[in-house]
PDB file of N, CA and C in Angstrom:
ATOM      1  N   ASP A   1     111.954 117.438 151.996  1.00  0.00           N
ATOM      2  CA  ASP A   1     112.090 118.688 151.289  1.00  0.00           C
ATOM      3  C   ASP A   1     111.549 119.874 152.083  1.00  0.00           C
ATOM      4  N   GLY A   2     110.638 119.606 153.006  1.00  0.00           N
ATOM      5  CA  GLY A   2     110.038 120.687 153.760  1.00  0.00           C
ATOM      6  C   GLY A   2     108.900 121.350 153.021  1.00  0.00           C
ATOM      7  N   ASP A   3     108.520 120.786 151.856  1.00  0.00           N
ATOM      8  CA  ASP A   3     107.453 121.394 151.072  1.00  0.00           C
ATOM      9  C   ASP A   3     106.073 120.834 151.411  1.00  0.00           C
ATOM     10  N   GLY A   4     106.025 119.898 152.361  1.00  0.00           N
ATOM     11  CA  GLY A   4     104.749 119.338 152.774  1.00  0.00           C
ATOM     12  C   GLY A   4     104.313 118.139 151.972  1.00  0.00           C
ATOM     13  N   PHE A   5     105.102 117.742 150.978  1.00  0.00           N
ATOM     14  CA  PHE A   5     104.771 116.593 150.154  1.00  0.00           C
ATOM     15  C   PHE A   5     105.733 115.454 150.451  1.00  0.00           C
ATOM     16  N   VAL A   6     105.278 114.242 150.255  1.00  0.00           N
ATOM     17  CA  VAL A   6     106.106 113.072 150.483  1.00  0.00           C
ATOM     18  C   VAL A   6     106.682 112.626 149.141  1.00  0.00           C
ATOM     19  N   SER A   7     107.991 112.472 149.100  1.00  0.00           N
ATOM     20  CA  SER A   7     108.638 112.041 147.862  1.00  0.00           C
ATOM     21  C   SER A   7     108.422 110.551 147.650  1.00  0.00           C
ATOM     22  N   MET A   8     108.658 110.096 146.434  1.00  0.00           N
ATOM     23  CA  MET A   8     108.496 108.678 146.111  1.00  0.00           C
ATOM     24  C   MET A   8     109.458 107.830 146.943  1.00  0.00           C
ATOM     25  N   THR A   9     110.659 108.343 147.189  1.00  0.00           N
ATOM     26  CA  THR A   9     111.626 107.620 148.015  1.00  0.00           C
ATOM     27  C   THR A   9     111.085 107.447 149.435  1.00  0.00           C
ATOM     28  N   GLU A  10     110.494 108.497 149.970  1.00  0.00           N
ATOM     29  CA  GLU A  10     109.918 108.424 151.308  1.00  0.00           C
ATOM     30  C   GLU A  10     108.739 107.452 151.343  1.00  0.00           C
ATOM     31  N   VAL A  11     107.939 107.449 150.286  1.00  0.00           N
ATOM     32  CA  VAL A  11     106.806 106.523 150.207  1.00  0.00           C
ATOM     33  C   VAL A  11     107.316 105.090 150.221  1.00  0.00           C
ATOM     34  N   MET A  12     108.356 104.816 149.448  1.00  0.00           N
ATOM     35  CA  MET A  12     108.915 103.467 149.392  1.00  0.00           C
ATOM     36  C   MET A  12     109.468 103.048 150.753  1.00  0.00           C
ATOM     37  N   LYS A  13     110.128 103.988 151.446  1.00  0.00           N
ATOM     38  CA  LYS A  13     110.645 103.688 152.786  1.00  0.00           C
ATOM     39  C   LYS A  13     109.500 103.390 153.746  1.00  0.00           C
ATOM     40  N   LEU A  14     108.428 104.175 153.659  1.00  0.00           N
ATOM     41  CA  LEU A  14     107.274 103.948 154.530  1.00  0.00           C
ATOM     42  C   LEU A  14     106.617 102.608 154.237  1.00  0.00           C
ATOM     43  N   LYS A  15     106.501 102.258 152.970  1.00  0.00           N
ATOM     44  CA  LYS A  15     105.921 100.969 152.588  1.00  0.00           C
ATOM     45  C   LYS A  15     106.769  99.816 153.128  1.00  0.00           C
ATOM     46  N   GLU A  16     108.081  99.931 153.017  1.00  0.00           N
ATOM     47  CA  GLU A  16     108.967  98.883 153.524  1.00  0.00           C
ATOM     48  C   GLU A  16     108.843  98.775 155.044  1.00  0.00           C
ATOM     49  N   GLU A  17     108.764  99.899 155.712  1.00  0.00           N
ATOM     50  CA  GLU A  17     108.577  99.885 157.167  1.00  0.00           C
ATOM     51  C   GLU A  17     107.247  99.240 157.520  1.00  0.00           C
ATOM     52  N   GLN A  18     106.224  99.507 156.743  1.00  0.00           N
ATOM     53  CA  GLN A  18     104.910  98.893 156.963  1.00  0.00           C
ATOM     54  C   GLN A  18     105.015  97.378 156.810  1.00  0.00           C
ATOM     55  N   ARG A  19     105.672  96.915 155.763  1.00  0.00           N
ATOM     56  CA  ARG A  19     105.830  95.474 155.551  1.00  0.00           C
ATOM     57  C   ARG A  19     106.611  94.841 156.690  1.00  0.00           C
ATOM     58  N   ARG A  20     107.669  95.520 157.146  1.00  0.00           N
ATOM     59  CA  ARG A  20     108.485  95.001 158.252  1.00  0.00           C
ATOM     60  C   ARG A  20     107.643  94.860 159.515  1.00  0.00           C
ATOM     61  N   ARG A  21     106.842  95.881 159.797  1.00  0.00           N
ATOM     62  CA  ARG A  21     105.999  95.840 160.995  1.00  0.00           C
ATOM     63  C   ARG A  21     104.936  94.750 160.895  1.00  0.00           C
ATOM     64  N   MET A  22     104.395  94.584 159.704  1.00  0.00           N
ATOM     65  CA  MET A  22     103.386  93.538 159.520  1.00  0.00           C
ATOM     66  C   MET A  22     104.011  92.152 159.729  1.00  0.00           C
ATOM     67  N   ARG A  23     105.240  91.967 159.254  1.00  0.00           N
ATOM     68  CA  ARG A  23     105.926  90.685 159.482  1.00  0.00           C
ATOM     69  C   ARG A  23     106.140  90.461 160.973  1.00  0.00           C
ATOM     70  N   LEU A  24     106.544  91.510 161.697  1.00  0.00           N
ATOM     71  CA  LEU A  24     106.741  91.384 163.141  1.00  0.00           C
ATOM     72  C   LEU A  24     105.432  91.052 163.850  1.00  0.00           C
ATOM     73  N   VAL A  25     104.351  91.688 163.424  1.00  0.00           N
ATOM     74  CA  VAL A  25     103.042  91.403 164.023  1.00  0.00           C
ATOM     75  C   VAL A  25     102.681  89.940 163.793  1.00  0.00           C
ATOM     76  N   GLU A  26     102.899  89.459 162.586  1.00  0.00           N
ATOM     77  CA  GLU A  26     102.591  88.057 162.279  1.00  0.00           C
ATOM     78  C   GLU A  26     103.469  87.110 163.090  1.00  0.00           C
ATOM     79  N   GLN A  27     104.748  87.437 163.224  1.00  0.00           N
ATOM     80  CA  GLN A  27     105.644  86.598 164.020  1.00  0.00           C
ATOM     81  C   GLN A  27     105.207  86.570 165.475  1.00  0.00           C
ATOM     82  N   ASP A  28     104.875  87.729 166.026  1.00  0.00           N
ATOM     83  CA  ASP A  28     104.399  87.786 167.413  1.00  0.00           C
ATOM     84  C   ASP A  28     103.103  87.007 167.580  1.00  0.00           C
ATOM     85  N   LYS A  29     102.235  87.120 166.591  1.00  0.00           N
ATOM     86  CA  LYS A  29     100.959  86.411 166.631  1.00  0.00           C
ATOM     87  C   LYS A  29     101.191  84.895 166.678  1.00  0.00           C
ATOM     88  N   GLN A  30     102.111  84.410 165.843  1.00  0.00           N
ATOM     89  CA  GLN A  30     102.407  82.985 165.823  1.00  0.00           C
ATOM     90  C   GLN A  30     102.992  82.529 167.148  1.00  0.00           C
ATOM     91  N   LYS A  31     103.871  83.336 167.729  1.00  0.00           N
ATOM     92  CA  LYS A  31     104.462  82.980 169.023  1.00  0.00           C
ATOM     93  C   LYS A  31     103.395  82.905 170.105  1.00  0.00           C
ATOM     94  N   ARG A  32     102.473  83.853 170.083  1.00  0.00           N
ATOM     95  CA  ARG A  32     101.417  83.869 171.103  1.00  0.00           C
ATOM     96  C   ARG A  32     100.462  82.690 170.940  1.00  0.00           C
ATOM     97  N   GLU A  33     100.209  82.316 169.684  1.00  0.00           N
ATOM     98  CA  GLU A  33      99.317  81.187 169.443  1.00  0.00           C
ATOM     99  C   GLU A  33      99.886  79.903 170.011  1.00  0.00           C
ATOM    100  N   GLU A  34     101.191  79.820 170.050  1.00  0.00           N
ATOM    101  CA  GLU A  34     101.850  78.647 170.622  1.00  0.00           C
ATOM    102  C   GLU A  34     101.822  78.688 172.145  1.00  0.00           C
ATOM    103  N   GLY A  35     101.571  79.867 172.715  1.00  0.00           N
ATOM    104  CA  GLY A  35     101.582  80.045 174.168  1.00  0.00           C
ATOM    105  C   GLY A  35     100.191  80.084 174.757  1.00  0.00           C
ATOM    106  N   ASP A  36      99.913  81.096 175.561  1.00  0.00           N
ATOM    107  CA  ASP A  36      98.664  81.261 176.307  1.00  0.00           C
ATOM    108  C   ASP A  36      97.465  81.418 175.382  1.00  0.00           C
ATOM    109  N   SER A  37      96.533  80.480 175.440  1.00  0.00           N
ATOM    110  CA  SER A  37      95.359  80.548 174.575  1.00  0.00           C
ATOM    111  C   SER A  37      94.268  81.441 175.145  1.00  0.00           C
ATOM    112  N   GLY A  38      94.304  81.764 176.418  1.00  0.00           N
ATOM    113  CA  GLY A  38      93.276  82.598 177.040  1.00  0.00           C
ATOM    114  C   GLY A  38      93.252  84.019 176.521  1.00  0.00           C
ATOM    115  N   SER A  39      94.420  84.592 176.260  1.00  0.00           N
ATOM    116  CA  SER A  39      94.477  85.975 175.800  1.00  0.00           C
ATOM    117  C   SER A  39      94.662  86.072 174.290  1.00  0.00           C
ATOM    118  N   LYS A  40      94.717  84.924 173.632  1.00  0.00           N
ATOM    119  CA  LYS A  40      94.980  84.888 172.191  1.00  0.00           C
ATOM    120  C   LYS A  40      93.945  85.678 171.398  1.00  0.00           C
ATOM    121  N   GLU A  41      92.670  85.539 171.720  1.00  0.00           N
ATOM    122  CA  GLU A  41      91.619  86.211 170.966  1.00  0.00           C
ATOM    123  C   GLU A  41      91.680  87.725 171.132  1.00  0.00           C
ATOM    124  N   VAL A  42      91.930  88.185 172.341  1.00  0.00           N
ATOM    125  CA  VAL A  42      92.013  89.621 172.605  1.00  0.00           C
ATOM    126  C   VAL A  42      93.198  90.222 171.857  1.00  0.00           C
ATOM    127  N   ILE A  43      94.333  89.558 171.936  1.00  0.00           N
ATOM    128  CA  ILE A  43      95.539  90.045 171.269  1.00  0.00           C
ATOM    129  C   ILE A  43      95.330  90.042 169.759  1.00  0.00           C
ATOM    130  N   SER A  44      94.744  88.985 169.247  1.00  0.00           N
ATOM    131  CA  SER A  44      94.495  88.879 167.811  1.00  0.00           C
ATOM    132  C   SER A  44      93.618  90.021 167.322  1.00  0.00           C
ATOM    133  N   SER A  45      92.569  90.308 168.058  1.00  0.00           N
ATOM    134  CA  SER A  45      91.648  91.381 167.691  1.00  0.00           C
ATOM    135  C   SER A  45      92.363  92.735 167.718  1.00  0.00           C
ATOM    136  N   ALA A  46      93.129  92.974 168.765  1.00  0.00           N
ATOM    137  CA  ALA A  46      93.850  94.239 168.887  1.00  0.00           C
ATOM    138  C   ALA A  46      94.880  94.387 167.771  1.00  0.00           C
ATOM    139  N   GLU A  47      95.590  93.311 167.472  1.00  0.00           N
ATOM    140  CA  GLU A  47      96.588  93.363 166.404  1.00  0.00           C
ATOM    141  C   GLU A  47      95.940  93.634 165.061  1.00  0.00           C
ATOM    142  N   ALA A  48      94.794  93.027 164.817  1.00  0.00           N
ATOM    143  CA  ALA A  48      94.096  93.243 163.552  1.00  0.00           C
ATOM    144  C   ALA A  48      93.672  94.701 163.408  1.00  0.00           C
ATOM    145  N   LYS A  49      93.185  95.288 164.497  1.00  0.00           N
ATOM    146  CA  LYS A  49      92.771  96.690 164.448  1.00  0.00           C
ATOM    147  C   LYS A  49      93.965  97.609 164.199  1.00  0.00           C
ATOM    148  N   VAL A  50      95.055  97.352 164.891  1.00  0.00           N
ATOM    149  CA  VAL A  50      96.256  98.173 164.714  1.00  0.00           C
ATOM    150  C   VAL A  50      96.788  98.022 163.290  1.00  0.00           C
ATOM    151  N   ALA A  51      96.826  96.799 162.795  1.00  0.00           N
ATOM    152  CA  ALA A  51      97.319  96.569 161.435  1.00  0.00           C
ATOM    153  C   ALA A  51      96.451  97.287 160.409  1.00  0.00           C
ATOM    154  N   ALA A  52      95.131  97.252 160.600  1.00  0.00           N
ATOM    155  CA  ALA A  52      94.227  97.942 159.677  1.00  0.00           C
ATOM    156  C   ALA A  52      94.451  99.447 159.719  1.00  0.00           C
ATOM    157  N   GLU A  53      94.647  99.990 160.921  1.00  0.00           N
ATOM    158  CA  GLU A  53      94.890 101.427 161.046  1.00  0.00           C
ATOM    159  C   GLU A  53      96.223 101.812 160.405  1.00  0.00           C
ATOM    160  N   ILE A  54      97.235 100.973 160.570  1.00  0.00           N
ATOM    161  CA  ILE A  54      98.534 101.248 159.964  1.00  0.00           C
ATOM    162  C   ILE A  54      98.412 101.252 158.451  1.00  0.00           C
ATOM    163  N   ARG A  55      97.693 100.251 157.897  1.00  0.00           N
ATOM    164  CA  ARG A  55      97.503 100.204 156.445  1.00  0.00           C
ATOM    165  C   ARG A  55      96.793 101.451 155.955  1.00  0.00           C
ATOM    166  N   LEU A  56      95.775 101.878 156.692  1.00  0.00           N
ATOM    167  CA  LEU A  56      95.026 103.057 156.296  1.00  0.00           C
ATOM    168  C   LEU A  56      95.903 104.308 156.353  1.00  0.00           C
ATOM    169  N   LEU A  57      96.668 104.461 157.428  1.00  0.00           N
ATOM    170  CA  LEU A  57      97.542 105.627 157.576  1.00  0.00           C
ATOM    171  C   LEU A  57      98.675 105.633 156.560  1.00  0.00           C
ATOM    172  N   MET A  58      99.149 104.460 156.207  1.00  0.00           N
ATOM    173  CA  MET A  58     100.266 104.362 155.276  1.00  0.00           C
ATOM    174  C   MET A  58      99.802 104.430 153.832  1.00  0.00           C
ATOM    175  N   GLY A  59      98.509 104.592 153.619  1.00  0.00           N
ATOM    176  CA  GLY A  59      98.002 104.722 152.262  1.00  0.00           C
ATOM    177  C   GLY A  59      97.801 103.400 151.564  1.00  0.00           C
ATOM    178  N   GLY A  60      97.750 102.324 152.322  1.00  0.00           N
ATOM    179  CA  GLY A  60      97.566 101.008 151.730  1.00  0.00           C
ATOM    180  C   GLY A  60      96.131 100.706 151.397  1.00  0.00           C
ATOM    181  N   GLY A  61      95.246 101.661 151.605  1.00  0.00           N
ATOM    182  CA  GLY A  61      93.836 101.433 151.307  1.00  0.00           C
ATOM    183  C   GLY A  61      93.133 100.792 152.473  1.00  0.00           C
ATOM    184  N   ALA A  62      91.858 100.634 152.300  1.00  0.00           N
ATOM    185  CA  ALA A  62      91.036 100.052 153.356  1.00  0.00           C
ATOM    186  C   ALA A  62      91.199  98.544 153.359  1.00  0.00           C
ATOM    187  N   SER A  63      91.135  97.981 154.534  1.00  0.00           N
ATOM    188  CA  SER A  63      91.177  96.532 154.639  1.00  0.00           C
ATOM    189  C   SER A  63      89.762  95.993 154.560  1.00  0.00           C
ATOM    190  N   ASP A  64      89.619  94.690 154.667  1.00  0.00           N
ATOM    191  CA  ASP A  64      88.299  94.069 154.568  1.00  0.00           C
ATOM    192  C   ASP A  64      87.347  94.576 155.636  1.00  0.00           C
ATOM    193  N   ASP A  65      87.876  94.898 156.821  1.00  0.00           N
ATOM    194  CA  ASP A  65      86.996  95.315 157.900  1.00  0.00           C
ATOM    195  C   ASP A  65      86.771  96.825 157.931  1.00  0.00           C
ATOM    196  N   LEU A  66      87.421  97.549 157.055  1.00  0.00           N
ATOM    197  CA  LEU A  66      87.196  98.983 156.944  1.00  0.00           C
ATOM    198  C   LEU A  66      86.442  99.253 155.650  1.00  0.00           C
ATOM    199  N   GLN A  67      85.681 100.316 155.623  1.00  0.00           N
ATOM    200  CA  GLN A  67      84.898 100.627 154.432  1.00  0.00           C
ATOM    201  C   GLN A  67      85.789 101.214 153.343  1.00  0.00           C
ATOM    202  N   SER A  68      85.459 100.896 152.102  1.00  0.00           N
ATOM    203  CA  SER A  68      86.223 101.431 150.976  1.00  0.00           C
ATOM    204  C   SER A  68      85.850 102.892 150.752  1.00  0.00           C
ATOM    205  N   ASP A  69      86.689 103.577 149.997  1.00  0.00           N
ATOM    206  CA  ASP A  69      86.429 104.986 149.686  1.00  0.00           C
ATOM    207  C   ASP A  69      85.118 105.139 148.933  1.00  0.00           C
ATOM    208  N   ASP A  70      84.813 104.197 148.032  1.00  0.00           N
ATOM    209  CA  ASP A  70      83.567 104.268 147.265  1.00  0.00           C
ATOM    210  C   ASP A  70      82.350 104.169 148.176  1.00  0.00           C
ATOM    211  N   VAL A  71      82.401 103.244 149.137  1.00  0.00           N
ATOM    212  CA  VAL A  71      81.280 103.083 150.072  1.00  0.00           C
ATOM    213  C   VAL A  71      81.124 104.335 150.913  1.00  0.00           C
ATOM    214  N   MET A  72      82.250 104.884 151.376  1.00  0.00           N
ATOM    215  CA  MET A  72      82.186 106.092 152.194  1.00  0.00           C
ATOM    216  C   MET A  72      81.669 107.271 151.370  1.00  0.00           C
ATOM    217  N   ALA A  73      82.061 107.372 150.100  1.00  0.00           N
ATOM    218  CA  ALA A  73      81.580 108.455 149.238  1.00  0.00           C
ATOM    219  C   ALA A  73      80.074 108.324 149.016  1.00  0.00           C
ATOM    220  N   ASP A  74      79.605 107.102 148.821  1.00  0.00           N
ATOM    221  CA  ASP A  74      78.164 106.874 148.658  1.00  0.00           C
ATOM    222  C   ASP A  74      77.409 107.291 149.913  1.00  0.00           C
ATOM    223  N   GLN A  75      77.963 106.966 151.071  1.00  0.00           N
ATOM    224  CA  GLN A  75      77.320 107.349 152.329  1.00  0.00           C
ATOM    225  C   GLN A  75      77.303 108.865 152.489  1.00  0.00           C
ATOM    226  N   ASP A  76      78.398 109.525 152.109  1.00  0.00           N
ATOM    227  CA  ASP A  76      78.445 110.985 152.179  1.00  0.00           C
ATOM    228  C   ASP A  76      77.387 111.610 151.277  1.00  0.00           C
ATOM    229  N   GLN A  77      77.254 111.073 150.063  1.00  0.00           N
ATOM    230  CA  GLN A  77      76.257 111.604 149.135  1.00  0.00           C
ATOM    231  C   GLN A  77      74.850 111.407 149.682  1.00  0.00           C
ATOM    232  N   GLN A  78      74.611 110.249 150.297  1.00  0.00           N
ATOM    233  CA  GLN A  78      73.297 109.985 150.877  1.00  0.00           C
ATOM    234  C   GLN A  78      73.017 110.954 152.027  1.00  0.00           C
ATOM    235  N   MET A  79      74.039 111.216 152.846  1.00  0.00           N
ATOM    236  CA  MET A  79      73.859 112.158 153.954  1.00  0.00           C
ATOM    237  C   MET A  79      73.554 113.554 153.422  1.00  0.00           C
ATOM    238  N   ASP A  80      74.243 113.961 152.338  1.00  0.00           N
ATOM    239  CA  ASP A  80      73.985 115.263 151.733  1.00  0.00           C
ATOM    240  C   ASP A  80      72.565 115.340 151.199  1.00  0.00           C
ATOM    241  N   ALA A  81      72.104 114.253 150.590  1.00  0.00           N
ATOM    242  CA  ALA A  81      70.748 114.229 150.027  1.00  0.00           C
ATOM    243  C   ALA A  81      69.697 114.282 151.129  1.00  0.00           C
ATOM    244  N   ASP A  82      70.023 113.733 152.302  1.00  0.00           N
ATOM    245  CA  ASP A  82      69.074 113.697 153.418  1.00  0.00           C
ATOM    246  C   ASP A  82      69.098 114.972 154.257  1.00  0.00           C
ATOM    247  N   TRP A  83      70.050 115.880 153.984  1.00  0.00           N
ATOM    248  CA  TRP A  83      70.219 117.064 154.810  1.00  0.00           C
ATOM    249  C   TRP A  83      69.012 117.977 154.692  1.00  0.00           C
ATOM    250  N   VAL A  84      68.579 118.480 155.829  1.00  0.00           N
ATOM    251  CA  VAL A  84      67.460 119.420 155.882  1.00  0.00           C
ATOM    252  C   VAL A  84      67.948 120.648 156.638  1.00  0.00           C
ATOM    253  N   LYS A  85      67.630 121.837 156.118  1.00  0.00           N
ATOM    254  CA  LYS A  85      68.093 123.061 156.772  1.00  0.00           C
ATOM    255  C   LYS A  85      67.483 123.176 158.173  1.00  0.00           C
ATOM    256  N   PRO A  86      68.208 123.788 159.100  1.00  0.00           N
ATOM    257  CA  PRO A  86      67.702 123.988 160.454  1.00  0.00           C
ATOM    258  C   PRO A  86      66.478 124.901 160.457  1.00  0.00           C
ATOM    259  N   ALA A  87      65.617 124.695 161.429  1.00  0.00           N
ATOM    260  CA  ALA A  87      64.414 125.523 161.549  1.00  0.00           C
ATOM    261  C   ALA A  87      64.804 126.985 161.741  1.00  0.00           C
ATOM    262  N   GLY A  88      64.123 127.862 161.058  1.00  0.00           N
ATOM    263  CA  GLY A  88      64.373 129.296 161.200  1.00  0.00           C
ATOM    264  C   GLY A  88      65.566 129.802 160.404  1.00  0.00           C
ATOM    265  N   GLN A  89      66.153 128.953 159.539  1.00  0.00           N
ATOM    266  CA  GLN A  89      67.284 129.377 158.718  1.00  0.00           C
ATOM    267  C   GLN A  89      66.970 129.097 157.260  1.00  0.00           C
ATOM    268  N   SER A  90      67.651 129.832 156.381  1.00  0.00           N
ATOM    269  CA  SER A  90      67.383 129.683 154.949  1.00  0.00           C
ATOM    270  C   SER A  90      68.153 128.522 154.335  1.00  0.00           C
ATOM    271  N   GLY A  91      69.204 128.046 155.014  1.00  0.00           N
ATOM    272  CA  GLY A  91      70.002 126.945 154.477  1.00  0.00           C
ATOM    273  C   GLY A  91      71.146 127.397 153.604  1.00  0.00           C
ATOM    274  N   ASP A  92      71.353 128.724 153.456  1.00  0.00           N
ATOM    275  CA  ASP A  92      72.437 129.218 152.606  1.00  0.00           C
ATOM    276  C   ASP A  92      73.743 129.414 153.375  1.00  0.00           C
ATOM    277  N   GLY A  93      73.737 129.085 154.668  1.00  0.00           N
ATOM    278  CA  GLY A  93      74.951 129.205 155.466  1.00  0.00           C
ATOM    279  C   GLY A  93      75.106 130.551 156.151  1.00  0.00           C
ATOM    280  N   ARG A  94      74.248 131.488 155.851  1.00  0.00           N
ATOM    281  CA  ARG A  94      74.335 132.811 156.478  1.00  0.00           C
ATOM    282  C   ARG A  94      73.675 132.765 157.849  1.00  0.00           C
ATOM    283  N   THR A  95      74.214 133.537 158.763  1.00  0.00           N
ATOM    284  CA  THR A  95      73.668 133.606 160.114  1.00  0.00           C
ATOM    285  C   THR A  95      73.373 135.061 160.459  1.00  0.00           C
ATOM    286  N   SER A  96      72.812 135.250 161.625  1.00  0.00           N
ATOM    287  CA  SER A  96      72.542 136.607 162.084  1.00  0.00           C
ATOM    288  C   SER A  96      73.839 137.403 162.249  1.00  0.00           C
ATOM    289  N   LEU A  97      74.951 136.701 162.504  1.00  0.00           N
ATOM    290  CA  LEU A  97      76.242 137.388 162.629  1.00  0.00           C
ATOM    291  C   LEU A  97      76.690 137.968 161.290  1.00  0.00           C
ATOM    292  N   ASN A  98      76.344 137.272 160.176  1.00  0.00           N
ATOM    293  CA  ASN A  98      76.663 137.826 158.861  1.00  0.00           C
ATOM    294  C   ASN A  98      75.988 139.178 158.688  1.00  0.00           C
ATOM    295  N   GLU A  99      74.735 139.256 159.075  1.00  0.00           N
ATOM    296  CA  GLU A  99      73.976 140.505 158.960  1.00  0.00           C
ATOM    297  C   GLU A  99      74.538 141.565 159.907  1.00  0.00           C
ATOM    298  N   LYS A 100      74.840 141.131 161.130  1.00  0.00           N
ATOM    299  CA  LYS A 100      75.322 142.082 162.151  1.00  0.00           C
ATOM    300  C   LYS A 100      76.649 142.715 161.741  1.00  0.00           C
ATOM    301  N   PHE A 101      77.570 141.895 161.199  1.00  0.00           N
ATOM    302  CA  PHE A 101      78.890 142.408 160.872  1.00  0.00           C
ATOM    303  C   PHE A 101      79.064 142.712 159.380  1.00  0.00           C
ATOM    304  N   GLY A 102      77.993 142.597 158.618  1.00  0.00           N
ATOM    305  CA  GLY A 102      78.015 142.998 157.215  1.00  0.00           C
ATOM    306  C   GLY A 102      78.751 142.066 156.278  1.00  0.00           C
ATOM    307  N   TYR A 103      78.781 140.813 156.589  1.00  0.00           N
ATOM    308  CA  TYR A 103      79.425 139.838 155.680  1.00  0.00           C
ATOM    309  C   TYR A 103      78.453 139.333 154.662  1.00  0.00           C
TER     310      TYR A 103
END
Protein backbone atom coordinates (compact mmCIF):
# COMPACT_ATOMS: atom_id res chain seq x y z
CA ASP A 1 0.00 0.00 0.00
CA GLY A 2 2.92 2.34 0.56
CA ASP A 3 1.46 3.39 3.90
CA GLY A 4 4.27 1.81 5.92
CA PHE A 5 2.09 -0.95 7.35
CA VAL A 6 2.14 -4.63 6.48
CA SER A 7 -1.19 -6.09 5.42
CA MET A 8 -2.46 -9.42 6.72
CA THR A 9 -1.91 -10.92 3.26
CA GLU A 10 1.72 -9.80 3.34
CA VAL A 11 2.13 -11.21 6.85
CA MET A 12 0.78 -14.57 5.70
CA LYS A 13 3.15 -14.56 2.71
CA LEU A 14 6.09 -13.75 4.99
CA LYS A 15 5.10 -16.51 7.42
CA GLU A 16 4.89 -19.03 4.57
CA GLU A 17 8.29 -17.92 3.28
CA GLN A 18 9.66 -18.33 6.81
CA ARG A 19 8.28 -21.87 7.02
CA ARG A 20 9.71 -22.71 3.58
CA ARG A 21 13.14 -21.44 4.58
CA MET A 22 13.04 -23.33 7.85
CA ARG A 23 12.21 -26.55 5.96
CA LEU A 24 15.16 -25.92 3.62
CA VAL A 25 17.45 -25.31 6.59
CA GLU A 26 16.32 -28.57 8.17
CA GLN A 27 16.78 -30.46 4.90
CA ASP A 28 20.28 -29.03 4.46
CA LYS A 29 21.07 -29.86 8.07
CA GLN A 30 20.03 -33.49 7.56
CA LYS A 31 22.11 -33.76 4.39
CA ARG A 32 25.17 -32.37 6.16
CA GLU A 33 24.72 -34.72 9.10
CA GLU A 34 24.97 -37.60 6.67
CA GLY A 35 28.20 -36.11 5.26
CA ASP A 36 31.23 -34.42 6.85
CA SER A 37 31.05 -34.64 10.63
CA GLY A 38 33.97 -32.25 11.22
CA SER A 39 32.08 -29.12 10.19
CA LYS A 40 28.68 -30.34 11.37
CA GLU A 41 28.82 -28.53 14.73
CA VAL A 42 29.88 -25.19 13.24
CA ILE A 43 27.20 -25.35 10.55
CA SER A 44 24.56 -26.40 13.07
CA SER A 45 25.40 -23.48 15.35
CA ALA A 46 25.37 -20.98 12.49
CA GLU A 47 22.08 -22.32 11.16
CA ALA A 48 20.49 -22.10 14.60
CA LYS A 49 21.57 -18.47 14.96
CA VAL A 50 20.28 -17.55 11.51
CA ALA A 51 16.99 -19.36 12.12
CA ALA A 52 16.53 -17.55 15.44
CA GLU A 53 17.23 -14.19 13.81
CA ILE A 54 14.79 -14.95 11.00
CA ARG A 55 12.08 -15.88 13.52
CA LEU A 56 12.72 -12.68 15.42
CA LEU A 57 12.66 -10.52 12.28
CA MET A 58 9.57 -12.23 10.95
CA GLY A 59 7.71 -11.58 14.18
CA GLY A 60 7.70 -15.18 15.29
CA GLY A 61 8.79 -14.19 18.77
CA ALA A 62 11.90 -15.08 20.64
CA SER A 63 13.29 -18.55 20.46
CA ASP A 64 14.59 -20.54 23.41
CA ASP A 65 18.05 -19.05 23.05
CA LEU A 66 16.80 -15.47 22.76
CA GLN A 67 15.31 -13.53 25.65
CA SER A 68 11.56 -13.01 25.77
CA ASP A 69 10.02 -9.55 25.63
CA ASP A 70 9.03 -9.86 29.31
CA VAL A 71 12.61 -10.62 30.37
CA MET A 72 13.93 -7.75 28.28
CA ALA A 73 11.29 -5.38 29.72
CA ASP A 74 12.27 -6.42 33.25
CA GLN A 75 15.92 -5.75 32.44
CA ASP A 76 15.04 -2.34 30.99
CA GLN A 77 13.10 -1.44 34.13
CA GLN A 78 16.01 -2.54 36.30
CA MET A 79 18.41 -0.43 34.24
CA ASP A 80 16.09 2.58 34.62
CA ALA A 81 15.93 2.03 38.38
CA ASP A 82 19.74 1.83 38.56
CA TRP A 83 20.27 5.00 36.50
CA VAL A 84 22.18 7.77 38.23
CA LYS A 85 22.44 11.29 36.80
CA PRO A 86 25.88 12.33 35.51
CA ALA A 87 28.08 14.38 37.81
CA GLY A 88 27.48 18.10 37.48
CA GLN A 89 24.03 17.69 35.87
CA SER A 90 20.53 17.90 37.29
CA GLY A 91 19.26 14.78 35.50
CA ASP A 92 16.39 16.61 33.77
CA GLY A 93 17.98 16.26 30.33
CA ARG A 94 18.86 19.94 29.98
CA THR A 95 22.38 20.89 28.97
CA SER A 96 24.39 24.06 28.77
CA LEU A 97 23.33 24.27 25.11
CA ASN A 98 19.69 24.57 26.22
CA GLU A 99 20.65 27.63 28.24
CA LYS A 100 22.89 29.04 25.50
CA PHE A 101 20.25 28.78 22.77
CA GLY A 102 17.23 29.43 24.98
CA TYR A 103 15.51 26.07 24.77
